[in-house]
Amino acid sequence: MQFFEDGYLPTINTTFSFFGGHAETVEPGWRWPTEHHPAFEIMYIMDGAQRTVTESAEKIIKAGEMMIIPIGMEHTNYCWGNESMTFLPCISILTAQQSNICW
């Protein structure tokens, strides 16, 4: 993309609408069935670690880290390791408008 090569990024006005968020603590061995959403899922790990398997990748995220799962992407989440995990999943509608793009 041209603006990355020139060292410029576009100005992006963004609005997030969150729904369905809740904090939950689960024990080792926990697994959520494979699912997908009509919106982004933002997963924040508060304590412990989570293994997330998607259609194209596998990732371990730890306390203090977050992951954004794209719209419609199938994924399965697991409590990773021998400790409980506390996580905060939120489903989000993202609306973005680009303006003032610097080329």
PDB file of N, CA and C in Angstrom:
ATOM      1  N   MET A   1       0.830  -1.181   0.000  1.00  0.00           N
ATOM      2  CA  MET A   1       0.000   0.000   0.000  1.00  0.00           C
ATOM      3  C   MET A   1       0.874   1.243   0.000  1.00  0.00           C
ATOM      4  N   GLN A   2       0.537   2.177  -0.812  1.00  0.00           N
ATOM      5  CA  GLN A   2       1.347   3.362  -1.010  1.00  0.00           C
ATOM      6  C   GLN A   2       1.557   4.154   0.281  1.00  0.00           C
ATOM      7  N   PHE A   3       0.503   4.357   1.066  1.00  0.00           N
ATOM      8  CA  PHE A   3       0.692   5.227   2.232  1.00  0.00           C
ATOM      9  C   PHE A   3       1.624   4.618   3.264  1.00  0.00           C
ATOM     10  N   PHE A   4       1.758   3.275   3.337  1.00  0.00           N
ATOM     11  CA  PHE A   4       2.734   2.681   4.235  1.00  0.00           C
ATOM     12  C   PHE A   4       4.151   2.926   3.722  1.00  0.00           C
ATOM     13  N   GLU A   5       4.354   2.804   2.422  1.00  0.00           N
ATOM     14  CA  GLU A   5       5.669   3.018   1.843  1.00  0.00           C
ATOM     15  C   GLU A   5       6.145   4.450   2.043  1.00  0.00           C
ATOM     16  N   ASP A   6       5.224   5.415   2.017  1.00  0.00           N
ATOM     17  CA  ASP A   6       5.586   6.817   2.201  1.00  0.00           C
ATOM     18  C   ASP A   6       5.652   7.219   3.673  1.00  0.00           C
ATOM     19  N   GLY A   7       5.322   6.289   4.570  1.00  0.00           N
ATOM     20  CA  GLY A   7       5.376   6.601   5.993  1.00  0.00           C
ATOM     21  C   GLY A   7       4.125   7.276   6.522  1.00  0.00           C
ATOM     22  N   TYR A   8       3.049   7.293   5.747  1.00  0.00           N
ATOM     23  CA  TYR A   8       1.804   7.919   6.177  1.00  0.00           C
ATOM     24  C   TYR A   8       0.727   6.870   6.412  1.00  0.00           C
ATOM     25  N   LEU A   9      -0.123   7.127   7.364  1.00  0.00           N
ATOM     26  CA  LEU A   9      -1.298   6.310   7.609  1.00  0.00           C
ATOM     27  C   LEU A   9      -2.539   7.160   7.415  1.00  0.00           C
ATOM     28  N   PRO A  10      -3.634   6.574   6.985  1.00  0.00           N
ATOM     29  CA  PRO A  10      -4.859   7.365   6.827  1.00  0.00           C
ATOM     30  C   PRO A  10      -5.466   7.699   8.184  1.00  0.00           C
ATOM     31  N   THR A  11      -6.211   8.769   8.240  1.00  0.00           N
ATOM     32  CA  THR A  11      -7.007   9.074   9.415  1.00  0.00           C
ATOM     33  C   THR A  11      -8.270   8.245   9.313  1.00  0.00           C
ATOM     34  N   ILE A  12      -8.567   7.491  10.343  1.00  0.00           N
ATOM     35  CA  ILE A  12      -9.744   6.632  10.327  1.00  0.00           C
ATOM     36  C   ILE A  12     -10.619   7.000  11.512  1.00  0.00           C
ATOM     37  N   ASN A  13     -11.834   7.409  11.242  1.00  0.00           N
ATOM     38  CA  ASN A  13     -12.813   7.671  12.295  1.00  0.00           C
ATOM     39  C   ASN A  13     -13.568   6.371  12.527  1.00  0.00           C
ATOM     40  N   THR A  14     -13.550   5.894  13.773  1.00  0.00           N
ATOM     41  CA  THR A  14     -14.085   4.576  14.061  1.00  0.00           C
ATOM     42  C   THR A  14     -15.049   4.627  15.233  1.00  0.00           C
ATOM     43  N   THR A  15     -16.083   3.814  15.159  1.00  0.00           N
ATOM     44  CA  THR A  15     -17.022   3.660  16.256  1.00  0.00           C
ATOM     45  C   THR A  15     -17.162   2.172  16.560  1.00  0.00           C
ATOM     46  N   PHE A  16     -17.033   1.801  17.825  1.00  0.00           N
ATOM     47  CA  PHE A  16     -17.262   0.435  18.271  1.00  0.00           C
ATOM     48  C   PHE A  16     -18.572   0.393  19.032  1.00  0.00           C
ATOM     49  N   SER A  17     -19.382  -0.585  18.769  1.00  0.00           N
ATOM     50  CA  SER A  17     -20.575  -0.850  19.559  1.00  0.00           C
ATOM     51  C   SER A  17     -20.412  -2.244  20.143  1.00  0.00           C
ATOM     52  N   PHE A  18     -20.258  -2.335  21.454  1.00  0.00           N
ATOM     53  CA  PHE A  18     -20.057  -3.622  22.107  1.00  0.00           C
ATOM     54  C   PHE A  18     -21.386  -4.187  22.582  1.00  0.00           C
ATOM     55  N   PHE A  19     -21.532  -5.496  22.476  1.00  0.00           N
ATOM     56  CA  PHE A  19     -22.675  -6.167  23.074  1.00  0.00           C
ATOM     57  C   PHE A  19     -22.267  -7.593  23.416  1.00  0.00           C
ATOM     58  N   GLY A  20     -22.911  -8.167  24.389  1.00  0.00           N
ATOM     59  CA  GLY A  20     -22.647  -9.555  24.740  1.00  0.00           C
ATOM     60  C   GLY A  20     -21.389  -9.775  25.555  1.00  0.00           C
ATOM     61  N   GLY A  21     -20.805  -8.739  26.147  1.00  0.00           N
ATOM     62  CA  GLY A  21     -19.585  -8.909  26.925  1.00  0.00           C
ATOM     63  C   GLY A  21     -19.874  -9.398  28.333  1.00  0.00           C
ATOM     64  N   HIS A  22     -19.008 -10.236  28.846  1.00  0.00           N
ATOM     65  CA  HIS A  22     -19.118 -10.714  30.224  1.00  0.00           C
ATOM     66  C   HIS A  22     -17.778 -11.292  30.646  1.00  0.00           C
ATOM     67  N   ALA A  23     -17.422 -11.155  31.908  1.00  0.00           N
ATOM     68  CA  ALA A  23     -16.202 -11.768  32.443  1.00  0.00           C
ATOM     69  C   ALA A  23     -16.572 -13.149  32.971  1.00  0.00           C
ATOM     70  N   GLU A  24     -15.682 -14.098  32.739  1.00  0.00           N
ATOM     71  CA  GLU A  24     -15.957 -15.468  33.165  1.00  0.00           C
ATOM     72  C   GLU A  24     -14.647 -16.147  33.557  1.00  0.00           C
ATOM     73  N   THR A  25     -14.691 -16.980  34.588  1.00  0.00           N
ATOM     74  CA  THR A  25     -13.537 -17.777  34.995  1.00  0.00           C
ATOM     75  C   THR A  25     -13.861 -19.236  34.729  1.00  0.00           C
ATOM     76  N   VAL A  26     -12.928 -19.923  34.082  1.00  0.00           N
ATOM     77  CA  VAL A  26     -13.106 -21.335  33.740  1.00  0.00           C
ATOM     78  C   VAL A  26     -11.896 -22.127  34.226  1.00  0.00           C
ATOM     79  N   GLU A  27     -12.086 -23.421  34.380  1.00  0.00           N
ATOM     80  CA  GLU A  27     -11.049 -24.299  34.911  1.00  0.00           C
ATOM     81  C   GLU A  27     -10.253 -24.964  33.792  1.00  0.00           C
ATOM     82  N   PRO A  28      -9.067 -25.503  34.122  1.00  0.00           N
ATOM     83  CA  PRO A  28      -8.277 -26.229  33.111  1.00  0.00           C
ATOM     84  C   PRO A  28      -9.133 -27.310  32.455  1.00  0.00           C
ATOM     85  N   GLY A  29      -8.947 -27.482  31.167  1.00  0.00           N
ATOM     86  CA  GLY A  29      -9.722 -28.465  30.420  1.00  0.00           C
ATOM     87  C   GLY A  29     -10.985 -27.888  29.785  1.00  0.00           C
ATOM     88  N   TRP A  30     -11.340 -26.644  30.138  1.00  0.00           N
ATOM     89  CA  TRP A  30     -12.527 -26.002  29.557  1.00  0.00           C
ATOM     90  C   TRP A  30     -12.333 -25.804  28.066  1.00  0.00           C
ATOM     91  N   ARG A  31     -13.413 -25.982  27.322  1.00  0.00           N
ATOM     92  CA  ARG A  31     -13.406 -25.774  25.874  1.00  0.00           C
ATOM     93  C   ARG A  31     -14.776 -25.248  25.482  1.00  0.00           C
ATOM     94  N   TRP A  32     -14.804 -24.233  24.609  1.00  0.00           N
ATOM     95  CA  TRP A  32     -16.058 -23.728  24.066  1.00  0.00           C
ATOM     96  C   TRP A  32     -16.228 -24.307  22.672  1.00  0.00           C
ATOM     97  N   PRO A  33     -17.430 -24.767  22.325  1.00  0.00           N
ATOM     98  CA  PRO A  33     -17.640 -25.362  20.997  1.00  0.00           C
ATOM     99  C   PRO A  33     -17.289 -24.385  19.872  1.00  0.00           C
ATOM    100  N   THR A  34     -16.951 -24.936  18.722  1.00  0.00           N
ATOM    101  CA  THR A  34     -16.642 -24.127  17.549  1.00  0.00           C
ATOM    102  C   THR A  34     -17.835 -23.239  17.224  1.00  0.00           C
ATOM    103  N   GLU A  35     -17.544 -21.959  16.955  1.00  0.00           N
ATOM    104  CA  GLU A  35     -18.601 -20.988  16.680  1.00  0.00           C
ATOM    105  C   GLU A  35     -18.090 -19.926  15.725  1.00  0.00           C
ATOM    106  N   HIS A  36     -18.984 -19.076  15.265  1.00  0.00           N
ATOM    107  CA  HIS A  36     -18.638 -17.888  14.488  1.00  0.00           C
ATOM    108  C   HIS A  36     -19.709 -16.842  14.772  1.00  0.00           C
ATOM    109  N   HIS A  37     -19.401 -15.572  14.478  1.00  0.00           N
ATOM    110  CA  HIS A  37     -20.293 -14.471  14.821  1.00  0.00           C
ATOM    111  C   HIS A  37     -20.482 -13.544  13.618  1.00  0.00           C
ATOM    112  N   PRO A  38     -21.603 -12.824  13.587  1.00  0.00           N
ATOM    113  CA  PRO A  38     -21.829 -11.845  12.519  1.00  0.00           C
ATOM    114  C   PRO A  38     -21.161 -10.498  12.831  1.00  0.00           C
ATOM    115  N   ALA A  39     -20.244 -10.502  13.796  1.00  0.00           N
ATOM    116  CA  ALA A  39     -19.522  -9.300  14.213  1.00  0.00           C
ATOM    117  C   ALA A  39     -18.135  -9.733  14.695  1.00  0.00           C
ATOM    118  N   PHE A  40     -17.253  -8.755  14.957  1.00  0.00           N
ATOM    119  CA  PHE A  40     -15.941  -9.062  15.523  1.00  0.00           C
ATOM    120  C   PHE A  40     -16.117  -9.592  16.938  1.00  0.00           C
ATOM    121  N   GLU A  41     -15.227 -10.503  17.354  1.00  0.00           N
ATOM    122  CA  GLU A  41     -15.160 -10.882  18.767  1.00  0.00           C
ATOM    123  C   GLU A  41     -13.822 -10.391  19.288  1.00  0.00           C
ATOM    124  N   ILE A  42     -13.884  -9.628  20.355  1.00  0.00           N
ATOM    125  CA  ILE A  42     -12.667  -9.145  21.007  1.00  0.00           C
ATOM    126  C   ILE A  42     -12.523  -9.947  22.286  1.00  0.00           C
ATOM    127  N   MET A  43     -11.423 -10.672  22.396  1.00  0.00           N
ATOM    128  CA  MET A  43     -11.183 -11.556  23.526  1.00  0.00           C
ATOM    129  C   MET A  43     -10.022 -10.994  24.339  1.00  0.00           C
ATOM    130  N   TYR A  44     -10.277 -10.629  25.606  1.00  0.00           N
ATOM    131  CA  TYR A  44      -9.233 -10.109  26.493  1.00  0.00           C
ATOM    132  C   TYR A  44      -9.031 -11.114  27.618  1.00  0.00           C
ATOM    133  N   ILE A  45      -7.790 -11.530  27.842  1.00  0.00           N
ATOM    134  CA  ILE A  45      -7.470 -12.495  28.887  1.00  0.00           C
ATOM    135  C   ILE A  45      -7.028 -11.728  30.132  1.00  0.00           C
ATOM    136  N   MET A  46      -7.785 -11.913  31.206  1.00  0.00           N
ATOM    137  CA  MET A  46      -7.507 -11.211  32.464  1.00  0.00           C
ATOM    138  C   MET A  46      -6.539 -11.990  33.346  1.00  0.00           C
ATOM    139  N   ASP A  47      -6.633 -13.339  33.300  1.00  0.00           N
ATOM    140  CA  ASP A  47      -5.772 -14.187  34.126  1.00  0.00           C
ATOM    141  C   ASP A  47      -5.667 -15.552  33.450  1.00  0.00           C
ATOM    142  N   GLY A  48      -4.495 -16.155  33.506  1.00  0.00           N
ATOM    143  CA  GLY A  48      -4.301 -17.454  32.876  1.00  0.00           C
ATOM    144  C   GLY A  48      -3.951 -17.317  31.406  1.00  0.00           C
ATOM    145  N   ALA A  49      -4.315 -18.329  30.619  1.00  0.00           N
ATOM    146  CA  ALA A  49      -3.992 -18.329  29.189  1.00  0.00           C
ATOM    147  C   ALA A  49      -5.081 -19.059  28.418  1.00  0.00           C
ATOM    148  N   GLN A  50      -5.254 -18.641  27.170  1.00  0.00           N
ATOM    149  CA  GLN A  50      -6.259 -19.239  26.293  1.00  0.00           C
ATOM    150  C   GLN A  50      -5.611 -19.678  24.994  1.00  0.00           C
ATOM    151  N   ARG A  51      -6.021 -20.829  24.523  1.00  0.00           N
ATOM    152  CA  ARG A  51      -5.624 -21.309  23.189  1.00  0.00           C
ATOM    153  C   ARG A  51      -6.828 -21.097  22.290  1.00  0.00           C
ATOM    154  N   THR A  52      -6.638 -20.395  21.191  1.00  0.00           N
ATOM    155  CA  THR A  52      -7.693 -20.176  20.217  1.00  0.00           C
ATOM    156  C   THR A  52      -7.266 -20.803  18.902  1.00  0.00           C
ATOM    157  N   VAL A  53      -8.141 -21.622  18.336  1.00  0.00           N
ATOM    158  CA  VAL A  53      -7.888 -22.269  17.050  1.00  0.00           C
ATOM    159  C   VAL A  53      -8.915 -21.718  16.071  1.00  0.00           C
ATOM    160  N   THR A  54      -8.437 -21.137  14.960  1.00  0.00           N
ATOM    161  CA  THR A  54      -9.313 -20.608  13.921  1.00  0.00           C
ATOM    162  C   THR A  54      -9.147 -21.448  12.659  1.00  0.00           C
ATOM    163  N   GLU A  55      -9.830 -21.032  11.615  1.00  0.00           N
ATOM    164  CA  GLU A  55      -9.734 -21.714  10.326  1.00  0.00           C
ATOM    165  C   GLU A  55      -8.306 -21.706   9.779  1.00  0.00           C
ATOM    166  N   SER A  56      -7.533 -20.685  10.149  1.00  0.00           N
ATOM    167  CA  SER A  56      -6.226 -20.514   9.518  1.00  0.00           C
ATOM    168  C   SER A  56      -5.048 -20.464  10.479  1.00  0.00           C
ATOM    169  N   ALA A  57      -5.285 -20.472  11.790  1.00  0.00           N
ATOM    170  CA  ALA A  57      -4.167 -20.317  12.717  1.00  0.00           C
ATOM    171  C   ALA A  57      -4.525 -20.850  14.104  1.00  0.00           C
ATOM    172  N   GLU A  58      -3.496 -20.952  14.912  1.00  0.00           N
ATOM    173  CA  GLU A  58      -3.649 -21.311  16.318  1.00  0.00           C
ATOM    174  C   GLU A  58      -2.812 -20.336  17.124  1.00  0.00           C
ATOM    175  N   LYS A  59      -3.351 -19.819  18.209  1.00  0.00           N
ATOM    176  CA  LYS A  59      -2.649 -18.785  18.986  1.00  0.00           C
ATOM    177  C   LYS A  59      -2.906 -19.002  20.468  1.00  0.00           C
ATOM    178  N   ILE A  60      -1.865 -18.796  21.276  1.00  0.00           N
ATOM    179  CA  ILE A  60      -1.998 -18.785  22.731  1.00  0.00           C
ATOM    180  C   ILE A  60      -1.939 -17.325  23.160  1.00  0.00           C
ATOM    181  N   ILE A  61      -2.953 -16.864  23.881  1.00  0.00           N
ATOM    182  CA  ILE A  61      -2.925 -15.503  24.414  1.00  0.00           C
ATOM    183  C   ILE A  61      -2.957 -15.598  25.929  1.00  0.00           C
ATOM    184  N   LYS A  62      -2.174 -14.738  26.572  1.00  0.00           N
ATOM    185  CA  LYS A  62      -1.966 -14.792  28.025  1.00  0.00           C
ATOM    186  C   LYS A  62      -2.555 -13.561  28.695  1.00  0.00           C
ATOM    187  N   ALA A  63      -2.553 -13.574  30.019  1.00  0.00           N
ATOM    188  CA  ALA A  63      -3.091 -12.465  30.807  1.00  0.00           C
ATOM    189  C   ALA A  63      -2.523 -11.134  30.319  1.00  0.00           C
ATOM    190  N   GLY A  64      -3.416 -10.160  30.110  1.00  0.00           N
ATOM    191  CA  GLY A  64      -3.013  -8.845  29.638  1.00  0.00           C
ATOM    192  C   GLY A  64      -2.978  -8.723  28.126  1.00  0.00           C
ATOM    193  N   GLU A  65      -3.244  -9.799  27.410  1.00  0.00           N
ATOM    194  CA  GLU A  65      -3.243  -9.773  25.951  1.00  0.00           C
ATOM    195  C   GLU A  65      -4.673  -9.889  25.435  1.00  0.00           C
ATOM    196  N   MET A  66      -4.864  -9.442  24.189  1.00  0.00           N
ATOM    197  CA  MET A  66      -6.178  -9.567  23.576  1.00  0.00           C
ATOM    198  C   MET A  66      -6.050 -10.052  22.146  1.00  0.00           C
ATOM    199  N   MET A  67      -7.160 -10.517  21.617  1.00  0.00           N
ATOM    200  CA  MET A  67      -7.229 -11.019  20.258  1.00  0.00           C
ATOM    201  C   MET A  67      -8.513 -10.500  19.638  1.00  0.00           C
ATOM    202  N   ILE A  68      -8.470 -10.155  18.372  1.00  0.00           N
ATOM    203  CA  ILE A  68      -9.675  -9.784  17.636  1.00  0.00           C
ATOM    204  C   ILE A  68      -9.919 -10.877  16.602  1.00  0.00           C
ATOM    205  N   ILE A  69     -11.082 -11.523  16.702  1.00  0.00           N
ATOM    206  CA  ILE A  69     -11.445 -12.581  15.778  1.00  0.00           C
ATOM    207  C   ILE A  69     -12.357 -11.968  14.716  1.00  0.00           C
ATOM    208  N   PRO A  70     -11.989 -12.061  13.442  1.00  0.00           N
ATOM    209  CA  PRO A  70     -12.758 -11.418  12.375  1.00  0.00           C
ATOM    210  C   PRO A  70     -14.190 -11.936  12.246  1.00  0.00           C
ATOM    211  N   ILE A  71     -15.009 -11.139  11.623  1.00  0.00           N
ATOM    212  CA  ILE A  71     -16.401 -11.481  11.367  1.00  0.00           C
ATOM    213  C   ILE A  71     -16.487 -12.800  10.600  1.00  0.00           C
ATOM    214  N   GLY A  72     -17.326 -13.709  11.093  1.00  0.00           N
ATOM    215  CA  GLY A  72     -17.596 -14.957  10.392  1.00  0.00           C
ATOM    216  C   GLY A  72     -16.535 -16.032  10.508  1.00  0.00           C
ATOM    217  N   MET A  73     -15.410 -15.775  11.169  1.00  0.00           N
ATOM    218  CA  MET A  73     -14.342 -16.771  11.256  1.00  0.00           C
ATOM    219  C   MET A  73     -14.675 -17.821  12.317  1.00  0.00           C
ATOM    220  N   GLU A  74     -14.690 -19.081  11.904  1.00  0.00           N
ATOM    221  CA  GLU A  74     -14.909 -20.156  12.859  1.00  0.00           C
ATOM    222  C   GLU A  74     -13.732 -20.236  13.811  1.00  0.00           C
ATOM    223  N   HIS A  75     -14.030 -20.441  15.103  1.00  0.00           N
ATOM    224  CA  HIS A  75     -12.978 -20.520  16.107  1.00  0.00           C
ATOM    225  C   HIS A  75     -13.450 -21.357  17.292  1.00  0.00           C
ATOM    226  N   THR A  76     -12.477 -21.919  17.979  1.00  0.00           N
ATOM    227  CA  THR A  76     -12.719 -22.684  19.197  1.00  0.00           C
ATOM    228  C   THR A  76     -11.741 -22.171  20.243  1.00  0.00           C
ATOM    229  N   ASN A  77     -12.227 -21.962  21.467  1.00  0.00           N
ATOM    230  CA  ASN A  77     -11.388 -21.446  22.550  1.00  0.00           C
ATOM    231  C   ASN A  77     -11.232 -22.502  23.641  1.00  0.00           C
ATOM    232  N   TYR A  78     -10.028 -22.560  24.219  1.00  0.00           N
ATOM    233  CA  TYR A  78      -9.691 -23.521  25.256  1.00  0.00           C
ATOM    234  C   TYR A  78      -8.992 -22.796  26.404  1.00  0.00           C
ATOM    235  N   CYS A  79      -9.203 -23.280  27.639  1.00  0.00           N
ATOM    236  CA  CYS A  79      -8.358 -22.847  28.757  1.00  0.00           C
ATOM    237  C   CYS A  79      -7.038 -23.588  28.577  1.00  0.00           C
ATOM    238  N   TRP A  80      -5.938 -22.857  28.533  1.00  0.00           N
ATOM    239  CA  TRP A  80      -4.634 -23.433  28.222  1.00  0.00           C
ATOM    240  C   TRP A  80      -3.803 -23.552  29.487  1.00  0.00           C
ATOM    241  N   GLY A  81      -3.208 -24.688  29.712  1.00  0.00           N
ATOM    242  CA  GLY A  81      -2.331 -24.878  30.857  1.00  0.00           C
ATOM    243  C   GLY A  81      -3.050 -25.519  32.039  1.00  0.00           C
ATOM    244  N   ASN A  82      -2.401 -25.429  33.204  1.00  0.00           N
ATOM    245  CA  ASN A  82      -2.893 -26.092  34.412  1.00  0.00           C
ATOM    246  C   ASN A  82      -3.554 -25.136  35.393  1.00  0.00           C
ATOM    247  N   GLU A  83      -3.801 -23.904  34.977  1.00  0.00           N
ATOM    248  CA  GLU A  83      -4.429 -22.915  35.851  1.00  0.00           C
ATOM    249  C   GLU A  83      -5.769 -22.486  35.270  1.00  0.00           C
ATOM    250  N   SER A  84      -6.622 -21.947  36.142  1.00  0.00           N
ATOM    251  CA  SER A  84      -7.881 -21.402  35.647  1.00  0.00           C
ATOM    252  C   SER A  84      -7.598 -20.176  34.784  1.00  0.00           C
ATOM    253  N   MET A  85      -8.591 -19.777  34.027  1.00  0.00           N
ATOM    254  CA  MET A  85      -8.458 -18.624  33.141  1.00  0.00           C
ATOM    255  C   MET A  85      -9.667 -17.720  33.352  1.00  0.00           C
ATOM    256  N   THR A  86      -9.416 -16.417  33.438  1.00  0.00           N
ATOM    257  CA  THR A  86     -10.496 -15.438  33.464  1.00  0.00           C
ATOM    258  C   THR A  86     -10.382 -14.620  32.197  1.00  0.00           C
ATOM    259  N   PHE A  87     -11.495 -14.531  31.481  1.00  0.00           N
ATOM    260  CA  PHE A  87     -11.474 -13.845  30.199  1.00  0.00           C
ATOM    261  C   PHE A  87     -12.697 -12.955  30.053  1.00  0.00           C
ATOM    262  N   LEU A  88     -12.585 -12.001  29.149  1.00  0.00           N
ATOM    263  CA  LEU A  88     -13.661 -11.060  28.868  1.00  0.00           C
ATOM    264  C   LEU A  88     -13.886 -11.049  27.359  1.00  0.00           C
ATOM    265  N   PRO A  89     -14.883 -11.815  26.880  1.00  0.00           N
ATOM    266  CA  PRO A  89     -15.204 -11.764  25.454  1.00  0.00           C
ATOM    267  C   PRO A  89     -16.260 -10.696  25.195  1.00  0.00           C
ATOM    268  N   CYS A  90     -16.090  -9.928  24.148  1.00  0.00           N
ATOM    269  CA  CYS A  90     -17.074  -8.921  23.742  1.00  0.00           C
ATOM    270  C   CYS A  90     -17.295  -9.056  22.249  1.00  0.00           C
ATOM    271  N   ILE A  91     -18.535  -8.989  21.839  1.00  0.00           N
ATOM    272  CA  ILE A  91     -18.865  -8.971  20.429  1.00  0.00           C
ATOM    273  C   ILE A  91     -19.005  -7.507  20.041  1.00  0.00           C
ATOM    274  N   SER A  92     -18.465  -7.126  18.902  1.00  0.00           N
ATOM    275  CA  SER A  92     -18.426  -5.716  18.528  1.00  0.00           C
ATOM    276  C   SER A  92     -18.789  -5.504  17.073  1.00  0.00           C
ATOM    277  N   ILE A  93     -19.607  -4.506  16.847  1.00  0.00           N
ATOM    278  CA  ILE A  93     -19.854  -4.009  15.500  1.00  0.00           C
ATOM    279  C   ILE A  93     -18.884  -2.854  15.292  1.00  0.00           C
ATOM    280  N   LEU A  94     -18.136  -2.875  14.237  1.00  0.00           N
ATOM    281  CA  LEU A  94     -17.154  -1.835  13.944  1.00  0.00           C
ATOM    282  C   LEU A  94     -17.634  -1.066  12.727  1.00  0.00           C
ATOM    283  N   THR A  95     -17.766   0.219  12.892  1.00  0.00           N
ATOM    284  CA  THR A  95     -18.129   1.089  11.787  1.00  0.00           C
ATOM    285  C   THR A  95     -16.967   2.038  11.564  1.00  0.00           C
ATOM    286  N   ALA A  96     -16.472   2.102  10.354  1.00  0.00           N
ATOM    287  CA  ALA A  96     -15.320   2.960  10.087  1.00  0.00           C
ATOM    288  C   ALA A  96     -15.567   3.796   8.842  1.00  0.00           C
ATOM    289  N   GLN A  97     -15.082   5.026   8.894  1.00  0.00           N
ATOM    290  CA  GLN A  97     -15.111   5.915   7.749  1.00  0.00           C
ATOM    291  C   GLN A  97     -13.705   6.454   7.569  1.00  0.00           C
ATOM    292  N   GLN A  98     -13.182   6.390   6.372  1.00  0.00           N
ATOM    293  CA  GLN A  98     -11.870   6.961   6.107  1.00  0.00           C
ATOM    294  C   GLN A  98     -12.017   8.396   5.661  1.00  0.00           C
ATOM    295  N   SER A  99     -11.120   9.223   6.148  1.00  0.00           N
ATOM    296  CA  SER A  99     -11.089  10.606   5.691  1.00  0.00           C
ATOM    297  C   SER A  99      -9.666  11.105   5.765  1.00  0.00           C
ATOM    298  N   ASN A 100      -9.367  12.135   5.025  1.00  0.00           N
ATOM    299  CA  ASN A 100      -8.058  12.779   5.051  1.00  0.00           C
ATOM    300  C   ASN A 100      -6.913  11.795   4.799  1.00  0.00           C
ATOM    301  N   ILE A 101      -7.062  10.952   3.804  1.00  0.00           N
ATOM    302  CA  ILE A 101      -5.989   9.997   3.510  1.00  0.00           C
ATOM    303  C   ILE A 101      -4.807  10.758   2.909  1.00  0.00           C
ATOM    304  N   CYS A 102      -3.649  10.508   3.504  1.00  0.00           N
ATOM    305  CA  CYS A 102      -2.413  11.166   3.050  1.00  0.00           C
ATOM    306  C   CYS A 102      -1.679  10.221   2.107  1.00  0.00           C
ATOM    307  N   TRP A 103      -1.470  10.606   0.865  1.00  0.00           N
ATOM    308  CA  TRP A 103      -0.764   9.763  -0.097  1.00  0.00           C
ATOM    309  C   TRP A 103       0.623  10.228  -0.345  1.00  0.00           C
TER     310      TRP A 103
END
